[in-house]
């Protein structure tokens, strides 16, 4: 959520506003689907999302708003599918899912708003460095999740 907020903030207010609603709605949809199906994708895909989002923040690549929204929707759907079965097993159901979506909204809003106000080049570089750390964490998580038991 933080990486997506940083990415949207680097891209501008229009991206940030779009992502602010796309991620929580996709997370809700994915979570509901995961609860109904009872299984979700492998958690290694969540680590891959850390890696990809962190790399996009670090690269500060100019991407169209539609691509940012599509990325936010894919990440929300993926993480919702991963969370859905666990929420159902813990009997948290829709309340837990609504809590996650609300937290996603708040975290995205705070991260994006913090970046939107940064206009000096060195401040944007600091955000890009944070993205590189997120990507490195994702790389570590991917390796850790693929290790043999």
N, C-alpha and C. Protein backbone atom coordinates (compact mmCIF):
# COMPACT_ATOMS: atom_id res chain seq x y z
N UNK A 1 0.82 -1.19 0.00
CA UNK A 1 0.00 0.00 0.00
C UNK A 1 0.87 1.25 0.00
N UNK A 2 1.92 1.21 0.79
CA UNK A 2 2.81 2.37 0.85
C UNK A 2 3.51 2.57 -0.50
N UNK A 3 4.01 1.49 -1.08
CA UNK A 3 4.70 1.61 -2.37
C UNK A 3 3.76 2.15 -3.44
N UNK A 4 2.54 1.69 -3.44
CA UNK A 4 1.57 2.18 -4.42
C UNK A 4 1.25 3.65 -4.16
N UNK A 5 1.16 4.05 -2.90
CA UNK A 5 0.94 5.45 -2.57
C UNK A 5 2.11 6.32 -3.01
N UNK A 6 3.33 5.83 -2.81
CA UNK A 6 4.51 6.58 -3.25
C UNK A 6 4.53 6.73 -4.76
N UNK A 7 4.22 5.62 -5.45
CA UNK A 7 4.19 5.67 -6.92
C UNK A 7 3.14 6.65 -7.42
N UNK A 8 1.95 6.58 -6.86
CA UNK A 8 0.87 7.48 -7.28
C UNK A 8 1.23 8.93 -6.97
N UNK A 9 1.84 9.17 -5.81
CA UNK A 9 2.25 10.52 -5.45
C UNK A 9 3.30 11.08 -6.39
N UNK A 10 4.25 10.23 -6.80
CA UNK A 10 5.26 10.67 -7.75
C UNK A 10 4.65 11.02 -9.10
N UNK A 11 3.59 10.34 -9.47
CA UNK A 11 2.96 10.55 -10.77
C UNK A 11 2.01 11.74 -10.77
N UNK A 12 1.54 12.20 -9.62
CA UNK A 12 0.70 13.40 -9.58
C UNK A 12 -0.65 13.15 -8.93
N UNK A 13 -1.39 14.24 -8.75
CA UNK A 13 -2.66 14.20 -8.02
C UNK A 13 -3.72 13.35 -8.71
N UNK A 14 -3.77 13.40 -10.03
CA UNK A 14 -4.78 12.59 -10.75
C UNK A 14 -4.54 11.10 -10.53
N UNK A 15 -3.30 10.68 -10.59
CA UNK A 15 -2.96 9.27 -10.33
C UNK A 15 -3.33 8.91 -8.90
N UNK A 16 -2.98 9.79 -7.98
CA UNK A 16 -3.23 9.51 -6.56
C UNK A 16 -4.73 9.36 -6.28
N UNK A 17 -5.53 10.25 -6.85
CA UNK A 17 -6.98 10.16 -6.63
C UNK A 17 -7.55 8.88 -7.20
N UNK A 18 -7.10 8.50 -8.36
CA UNK A 18 -7.60 7.28 -9.00
C UNK A 18 -7.23 6.03 -8.22
N UNK A 19 -5.99 5.95 -7.79
CA UNK A 19 -5.50 4.79 -7.05
C UNK A 19 -6.18 4.70 -5.68
N UNK A 20 -6.49 5.85 -5.13
CA UNK A 20 -7.11 5.91 -3.81
C UNK A 20 -8.41 5.11 -3.74
N UNK A 21 -9.12 5.05 -4.83
CA UNK A 21 -10.38 4.30 -4.85
C UNK A 21 -10.23 2.93 -5.52
N UNK A 22 -9.31 2.81 -6.47
CA UNK A 22 -9.16 1.55 -7.21
C UNK A 22 -8.66 0.42 -6.31
N UNK A 23 -7.64 0.68 -5.50
CA UNK A 23 -7.06 -0.38 -4.68
C UNK A 23 -8.05 -0.94 -3.66
N UNK A 24 -8.68 -0.10 -2.83
CA UNK A 24 -9.60 -0.68 -1.84
C UNK A 24 -10.77 -1.43 -2.47
N UNK A 25 -11.31 -0.93 -3.57
CA UNK A 25 -12.43 -1.63 -4.21
C UNK A 25 -11.98 -2.97 -4.79
N UNK A 26 -10.81 -3.00 -5.40
CA UNK A 26 -10.29 -4.26 -5.93
C UNK A 26 -9.97 -5.23 -4.80
N UNK A 27 -9.47 -4.72 -3.68
CA UNK A 27 -9.16 -5.57 -2.54
C UNK A 27 -10.45 -6.19 -1.99
N UNK A 28 -11.49 -5.39 -1.91
CA UNK A 28 -12.79 -5.92 -1.48
C UNK A 28 -13.28 -7.03 -2.42
N UNK A 29 -13.21 -6.78 -3.71
CA UNK A 29 -13.66 -7.78 -4.69
C UNK A 29 -12.83 -9.06 -4.59
N UNK A 30 -11.52 -8.90 -4.52
CA UNK A 30 -10.65 -10.07 -4.40
C UNK A 30 -10.87 -10.82 -3.10
N UNK A 31 -11.05 -10.08 -2.01
CA UNK A 31 -11.30 -10.73 -0.72
C UNK A 31 -12.61 -11.50 -0.70
N UNK A 32 -13.65 -10.92 -1.28
CA UNK A 32 -14.93 -11.63 -1.36
C UNK A 32 -14.80 -12.90 -2.20
N UNK A 33 -14.10 -12.78 -3.32
CA UNK A 33 -13.89 -13.96 -4.17
C UNK A 33 -13.07 -15.02 -3.43
N UNK A 34 -12.05 -14.60 -2.72
CA UNK A 34 -11.23 -15.55 -1.94
C UNK A 34 -12.02 -16.23 -0.84
N UNK A 35 -12.93 -15.49 -0.21
CA UNK A 35 -13.77 -16.09 0.84
C UNK A 35 -14.72 -17.11 0.24
N UNK A 36 -15.28 -16.80 -0.91
CA UNK A 36 -16.23 -17.71 -1.55
C UNK A 36 -15.57 -18.96 -2.09
N UNK A 37 -14.40 -18.79 -2.71
CA UNK A 37 -13.70 -19.93 -3.31
C UNK A 37 -13.02 -20.77 -2.24
N UNK A 38 -12.47 -20.12 -1.23
CA UNK A 38 -11.82 -20.84 -0.14
C UNK A 38 -10.34 -21.08 -0.34
N UNK A 39 -9.78 -20.60 -1.41
CA UNK A 39 -8.34 -20.69 -1.64
C UNK A 39 -7.91 -19.49 -2.44
N UNK A 40 -6.63 -19.21 -2.38
CA UNK A 40 -6.11 -18.05 -3.10
C UNK A 40 -4.78 -18.37 -3.73
N UNK A 41 -4.21 -17.42 -4.44
CA UNK A 41 -2.90 -17.64 -5.06
C UNK A 41 -1.81 -17.78 -4.01
N UNK A 42 -0.69 -18.27 -4.44
CA UNK A 42 0.44 -18.44 -3.53
C UNK A 42 0.92 -17.08 -3.02
N UNK A 43 1.28 -17.01 -1.75
CA UNK A 43 1.75 -15.74 -1.17
C UNK A 43 3.01 -15.18 -1.82
N UNK A 44 3.75 -16.00 -2.57
CA UNK A 44 4.95 -15.48 -3.24
C UNK A 44 4.56 -14.35 -4.20
N UNK A 45 3.34 -14.37 -4.71
CA UNK A 45 2.91 -13.30 -5.61
C UNK A 45 2.81 -11.96 -4.89
N UNK A 46 2.51 -11.99 -3.61
CA UNK A 46 2.50 -10.75 -2.83
C UNK A 46 3.91 -10.17 -2.76
N UNK A 47 4.90 -11.05 -2.60
CA UNK A 47 6.29 -10.60 -2.58
C UNK A 47 6.69 -10.02 -3.93
N UNK A 48 6.20 -10.62 -5.00
CA UNK A 48 6.49 -10.11 -6.34
C UNK A 48 5.90 -8.70 -6.50
N UNK A 49 4.72 -8.47 -5.91
CA UNK A 49 4.13 -7.13 -6.00
C UNK A 49 5.00 -6.10 -5.28
N UNK A 50 5.62 -6.48 -4.16
CA UNK A 50 6.57 -5.58 -3.48
C UNK A 50 7.71 -5.23 -4.43
N UNK A 51 8.25 -6.25 -5.07
CA UNK A 51 9.38 -6.07 -5.96
C UNK A 51 9.03 -5.16 -7.13
N UNK A 52 7.91 -5.41 -7.78
CA UNK A 52 7.51 -4.63 -8.95
C UNK A 52 7.19 -3.18 -8.57
N UNK A 53 6.37 -3.00 -7.53
CA UNK A 53 6.00 -1.64 -7.14
C UNK A 53 7.21 -0.84 -6.66
N UNK A 54 8.07 -1.48 -5.88
CA UNK A 54 9.28 -0.80 -5.41
C UNK A 54 10.18 -0.39 -6.57
N UNK A 55 10.30 -1.27 -7.56
CA UNK A 55 11.13 -0.96 -8.73
C UNK A 55 10.53 0.20 -9.53
N UNK A 56 9.21 0.25 -9.64
CA UNK A 56 8.57 1.35 -10.36
C UNK A 56 8.76 2.68 -9.63
N UNK A 57 8.71 2.65 -8.30
CA UNK A 57 8.96 3.87 -7.53
C UNK A 57 10.41 4.30 -7.70
N UNK A 58 11.33 3.35 -7.60
CA UNK A 58 12.75 3.67 -7.72
C UNK A 58 13.09 4.22 -9.11
N UNK A 59 12.45 3.68 -10.14
CA UNK A 59 12.73 4.12 -11.50
C UNK A 59 12.05 5.45 -11.81
N UNK A 60 11.00 5.79 -11.08
CA UNK A 60 10.23 7.01 -11.31
C UNK A 60 9.84 7.13 -12.79
N UNK A 61 9.35 6.02 -13.31
CA UNK A 61 8.97 5.94 -14.71
C UNK A 61 7.63 6.63 -14.94
N UNK A 62 7.55 7.41 -16.00
CA UNK A 62 6.30 8.06 -16.37
C UNK A 62 5.38 7.02 -17.00
N UNK A 63 4.30 6.69 -16.31
CA UNK A 63 3.33 5.74 -16.84
C UNK A 63 1.97 6.43 -16.90
N UNK A 64 1.13 6.04 -17.84
CA UNK A 64 -0.18 6.68 -17.95
C UNK A 64 -1.06 6.36 -16.74
N UNK A 65 -2.03 7.23 -16.50
CA UNK A 65 -2.92 7.05 -15.35
C UNK A 65 -3.67 5.72 -15.43
N UNK A 66 -4.09 5.33 -16.61
CA UNK A 66 -4.78 4.06 -16.78
C UNK A 66 -3.94 2.88 -16.34
N UNK A 67 -2.65 2.94 -16.62
CA UNK A 67 -1.74 1.86 -16.21
C UNK A 67 -1.59 1.85 -14.69
N UNK A 68 -1.56 3.02 -14.09
CA UNK A 68 -1.46 3.09 -12.63
C UNK A 68 -2.71 2.50 -11.99
N UNK A 69 -3.86 2.82 -12.53
CA UNK A 69 -5.13 2.28 -12.00
C UNK A 69 -5.19 0.78 -12.21
N UNK A 70 -4.77 0.30 -13.37
CA UNK A 70 -4.75 -1.13 -13.65
C UNK A 70 -3.82 -1.85 -12.69
N UNK A 71 -2.66 -1.27 -12.44
CA UNK A 71 -1.71 -1.85 -11.50
C UNK A 71 -2.29 -1.89 -10.09
N UNK A 72 -2.92 -0.81 -9.67
CA UNK A 72 -3.53 -0.77 -8.34
C UNK A 72 -4.65 -1.80 -8.22
N UNK A 73 -5.44 -1.94 -9.28
CA UNK A 73 -6.53 -2.92 -9.26
C UNK A 73 -5.99 -4.34 -9.21
N UNK A 74 -4.93 -4.61 -9.97
CA UNK A 74 -4.34 -5.95 -9.97
C UNK A 74 -3.74 -6.28 -8.60
N UNK A 75 -3.06 -5.32 -8.01
CA UNK A 75 -2.47 -5.54 -6.68
C UNK A 75 -3.57 -5.75 -5.64
N UNK A 76 -4.61 -4.94 -5.69
CA UNK A 76 -5.72 -5.09 -4.75
C UNK A 76 -6.41 -6.43 -4.91
N UNK A 77 -6.67 -6.83 -6.13
CA UNK A 77 -7.32 -8.11 -6.39
C UNK A 77 -6.45 -9.27 -5.90
N UNK A 78 -5.17 -9.21 -6.20
CA UNK A 78 -4.24 -10.26 -5.77
C UNK A 78 -4.18 -10.38 -4.25
N UNK A 79 -3.98 -9.27 -3.59
CA UNK A 79 -3.87 -9.31 -2.12
C UNK A 79 -5.20 -9.68 -1.48
N UNK A 80 -6.30 -9.24 -2.08
CA UNK A 80 -7.61 -9.65 -1.58
C UNK A 80 -7.82 -11.14 -1.70
N UNK A 81 -7.43 -11.71 -2.84
CA UNK A 81 -7.55 -13.16 -3.03
C UNK A 81 -6.70 -13.93 -2.03
N UNK A 82 -5.54 -13.39 -1.71
CA UNK A 82 -4.67 -14.04 -0.73
C UNK A 82 -5.28 -13.93 0.67
N UNK A 83 -5.86 -12.78 1.00
CA UNK A 83 -6.42 -12.56 2.34
C UNK A 83 -7.77 -13.22 2.57
N UNK A 84 -8.58 -13.35 1.52
CA UNK A 84 -9.95 -13.84 1.66
C UNK A 84 -10.09 -15.15 2.41
N UNK A 85 -9.39 -16.20 2.02
CA UNK A 85 -9.54 -17.48 2.72
C UNK A 85 -9.12 -17.41 4.19
N UNK A 86 -8.09 -16.63 4.49
CA UNK A 86 -7.64 -16.48 5.88
C UNK A 86 -8.68 -15.75 6.71
N UNK A 87 -9.29 -14.72 6.12
CA UNK A 87 -10.34 -13.99 6.84
C UNK A 87 -11.54 -14.89 7.11
N UNK A 88 -11.89 -15.72 6.14
CA UNK A 88 -13.01 -16.64 6.34
C UNK A 88 -12.68 -17.68 7.41
N UNK A 89 -11.46 -18.20 7.38
CA UNK A 89 -11.05 -19.21 8.37
C UNK A 89 -11.02 -18.62 9.79
N UNK A 90 -10.65 -17.37 9.90
CA UNK A 90 -10.60 -16.71 11.21
C UNK A 90 -11.96 -16.16 11.63
N UNK A 91 -12.97 -16.37 10.80
CA UNK A 91 -14.34 -15.92 11.04
C UNK A 91 -14.42 -14.39 11.19
N UNK A 92 -13.58 -13.70 10.43
CA UNK A 92 -13.64 -12.24 10.42
C UNK A 92 -14.54 -11.75 9.29
N UNK A 93 -14.60 -12.53 8.22
CA UNK A 93 -15.50 -12.26 7.12
C UNK A 93 -15.45 -10.85 6.58
N UNK A 94 -16.63 -10.35 6.29
CA UNK A 94 -16.76 -9.05 5.63
C UNK A 94 -16.28 -7.90 6.51
N UNK A 95 -16.43 -8.04 7.83
CA UNK A 95 -15.96 -6.97 8.72
C UNK A 95 -14.45 -6.80 8.62
N UNK A 96 -13.74 -7.92 8.62
CA UNK A 96 -12.28 -7.85 8.48
C UNK A 96 -11.86 -7.29 7.14
N UNK A 97 -12.59 -7.69 6.11
CA UNK A 97 -12.29 -7.21 4.76
C UNK A 97 -12.56 -5.71 4.63
N UNK A 98 -13.64 -5.24 5.22
CA UNK A 98 -13.92 -3.80 5.21
C UNK A 98 -12.85 -3.03 5.99
N UNK A 99 -12.36 -3.61 7.06
CA UNK A 99 -11.29 -2.98 7.83
C UNK A 99 -10.01 -2.86 7.03
N UNK A 100 -9.68 -3.91 6.27
CA UNK A 100 -8.49 -3.87 5.42
C UNK A 100 -8.66 -2.81 4.34
N UNK A 101 -9.82 -2.76 3.71
CA UNK A 101 -10.07 -1.78 2.65
C UNK A 101 -9.99 -0.35 3.20
N UNK A 102 -10.53 -0.14 4.38
CA UNK A 102 -10.46 1.19 4.99
C UNK A 102 -9.01 1.57 5.32
N UNK A 103 -8.25 0.60 5.84
CA UNK A 103 -6.84 0.86 6.14
C UNK A 103 -6.07 1.15 4.86
N UNK A 104 -6.38 0.43 3.79
CA UNK A 104 -5.72 0.66 2.50
C UNK A 104 -5.98 2.08 2.03
N UNK A 105 -7.21 2.53 2.15
CA UNK A 105 -7.58 3.88 1.74
C UNK A 105 -6.76 4.92 2.52
N UNK A 106 -6.68 4.75 3.83
CA UNK A 106 -5.97 5.72 4.68
C UNK A 106 -4.47 5.71 4.40
N UNK A 107 -3.89 4.52 4.31
CA UNK A 107 -2.44 4.42 4.07
C UNK A 107 -2.08 5.00 2.70
N UNK A 108 -2.88 4.68 1.69
CA UNK A 108 -2.64 5.25 0.36
C UNK A 108 -2.75 6.77 0.39
N UNK A 109 -3.77 7.28 1.04
CA UNK A 109 -3.97 8.73 1.11
C UNK A 109 -2.79 9.41 1.79
N UNK A 110 -2.32 8.85 2.89
CA UNK A 110 -1.20 9.46 3.61
C UNK A 110 0.09 9.41 2.81
N UNK A 111 0.38 8.25 2.21
CA UNK A 111 1.63 8.12 1.44
C UNK A 111 1.62 9.02 0.21
N UNK A 112 0.53 9.01 -0.52
CA UNK A 112 0.46 9.83 -1.73
C UNK A 112 0.49 11.32 -1.40
N UNK A 113 -0.23 11.72 -0.35
CA UNK A 113 -0.25 13.14 0.03
C UNK A 113 1.13 13.61 0.46
N UNK A 114 1.87 12.76 1.16
CA UNK A 114 3.21 13.14 1.59
C UNK A 114 4.12 13.38 0.39
N UNK A 115 3.96 12.57 -0.65
CA UNK A 115 4.83 12.70 -1.83
C UNK A 115 4.38 13.85 -2.73
N UNK A 116 3.09 14.09 -2.81
CA UNK A 116 2.59 15.16 -3.69
C UNK A 116 3.15 16.53 -3.34
N UNK A 117 3.46 16.75 -2.09
CA UNK A 117 3.96 18.06 -1.65
C UNK A 117 5.46 18.22 -1.84
N UNK A 118 6.14 17.18 -2.30
CA UNK A 118 7.59 17.25 -2.46
C UNK A 118 7.93 17.79 -3.84
N UNK A 119 8.56 18.96 -3.88
CA UNK A 119 8.87 19.57 -5.17
C UNK A 119 10.36 19.70 -5.43
N UNK A 120 11.16 19.65 -4.40
CA UNK A 120 12.60 19.75 -4.60
C UNK A 120 13.13 18.41 -5.12
N UNK A 121 14.07 18.45 -6.04
CA UNK A 121 14.58 17.19 -6.63
C UNK A 121 15.14 16.21 -5.61
N UNK A 122 15.84 16.69 -4.59
CA UNK A 122 16.44 15.78 -3.63
C UNK A 122 15.37 15.06 -2.81
N UNK A 123 14.20 15.69 -2.64
CA UNK A 123 13.11 15.06 -1.90
C UNK A 123 12.52 13.90 -2.71
N UNK A 124 12.38 14.12 -4.00
CA UNK A 124 11.88 13.05 -4.87
C UNK A 124 12.89 11.90 -4.93
N UNK A 125 14.17 12.23 -4.88
CA UNK A 125 15.20 11.19 -4.85
C UNK A 125 15.07 10.36 -3.58
N UNK A 126 14.76 10.99 -2.47
CA UNK A 126 14.56 10.26 -1.21
C UNK A 126 13.40 9.27 -1.34
N UNK A 127 12.34 9.66 -2.02
CA UNK A 127 11.20 8.75 -2.24
C UNK A 127 11.64 7.60 -3.13
N UNK A 128 12.44 7.89 -4.15
CA UNK A 128 12.93 6.84 -5.03
C UNK A 128 13.84 5.87 -4.28
N UNK A 129 14.63 6.37 -3.35
CA UNK A 129 15.47 5.50 -2.53
C UNK A 129 14.58 4.59 -1.68
N UNK A 130 13.50 5.15 -1.13
CA UNK A 130 12.56 4.32 -0.37
C UNK A 130 11.98 3.23 -1.27
N UNK A 131 11.70 3.56 -2.52
CA UNK A 131 11.22 2.56 -3.47
C UNK A 131 12.24 1.47 -3.71
N UNK A 132 13.50 1.83 -3.77
CA UNK A 132 14.54 0.81 -3.97
C UNK A 132 14.61 -0.13 -2.77
N UNK A 133 14.38 0.39 -1.59
CA UNK A 133 14.37 -0.45 -0.39
C UNK A 133 13.15 -1.38 -0.40
N UNK A 134 12.03 -0.89 -0.88
CA UNK A 134 10.84 -1.73 -1.00
C UNK A 134 11.10 -2.84 -2.02
N UNK A 135 11.73 -2.49 -3.14
CA UNK A 135 12.07 -3.50 -4.15
C UNK A 135 13.04 -4.53 -3.58
N UNK A 136 14.03 -4.07 -2.83
CA UNK A 136 14.98 -5.00 -2.22
C UNK A 136 14.29 -5.92 -1.23
N UNK A 137 13.36 -5.37 -0.46
CA UNK A 137 12.58 -6.21 0.47
C UNK A 137 11.77 -7.24 -0.29
N UNK A 138 11.18 -6.82 -1.41
CA UNK A 138 10.43 -7.75 -2.24
C UNK A 138 11.30 -8.86 -2.79
N UNK A 139 12.51 -8.49 -3.21
CA UNK A 139 13.44 -9.49 -3.71
C UNK A 139 13.79 -10.50 -2.62
N UNK A 140 14.03 -10.01 -1.44
CA UNK A 140 14.34 -10.87 -0.30
C UNK A 140 13.15 -11.79 0.01
N UNK A 141 11.94 -11.23 -0.01
CA UNK A 141 10.75 -12.04 0.27
C UNK A 141 10.51 -13.10 -0.80
N UNK A 142 10.75 -12.75 -2.06
CA UNK A 142 10.60 -13.74 -3.14
C UNK A 142 11.58 -14.88 -2.92
N UNK A 143 12.82 -14.56 -2.66
CA UNK A 143 13.82 -15.61 -2.40
C UNK A 143 13.47 -16.45 -1.20
N UNK A 144 13.01 -15.80 -0.15
CA UNK A 144 12.65 -16.52 1.07
C UNK A 144 11.47 -17.46 0.83
N UNK A 145 10.48 -17.00 0.10
CA UNK A 145 9.29 -17.83 -0.12
C UNK A 145 9.54 -18.96 -1.11
N UNK A 146 10.56 -18.85 -1.94
CA UNK A 146 10.87 -19.91 -2.91
C UNK A 146 11.91 -20.90 -2.40
N UNK A 147 12.45 -20.65 -1.22
CA UNK A 147 13.47 -21.55 -0.70
C UNK A 147 12.86 -22.93 -0.48
N UNK A 148 13.69 -23.93 -0.53
CA UNK A 148 13.19 -25.28 -0.31
C UNK A 148 13.02 -25.52 1.19
N UNK A 149 12.01 -26.30 1.58
CA UNK A 149 11.72 -26.49 3.01
C UNK A 149 12.74 -27.26 3.77
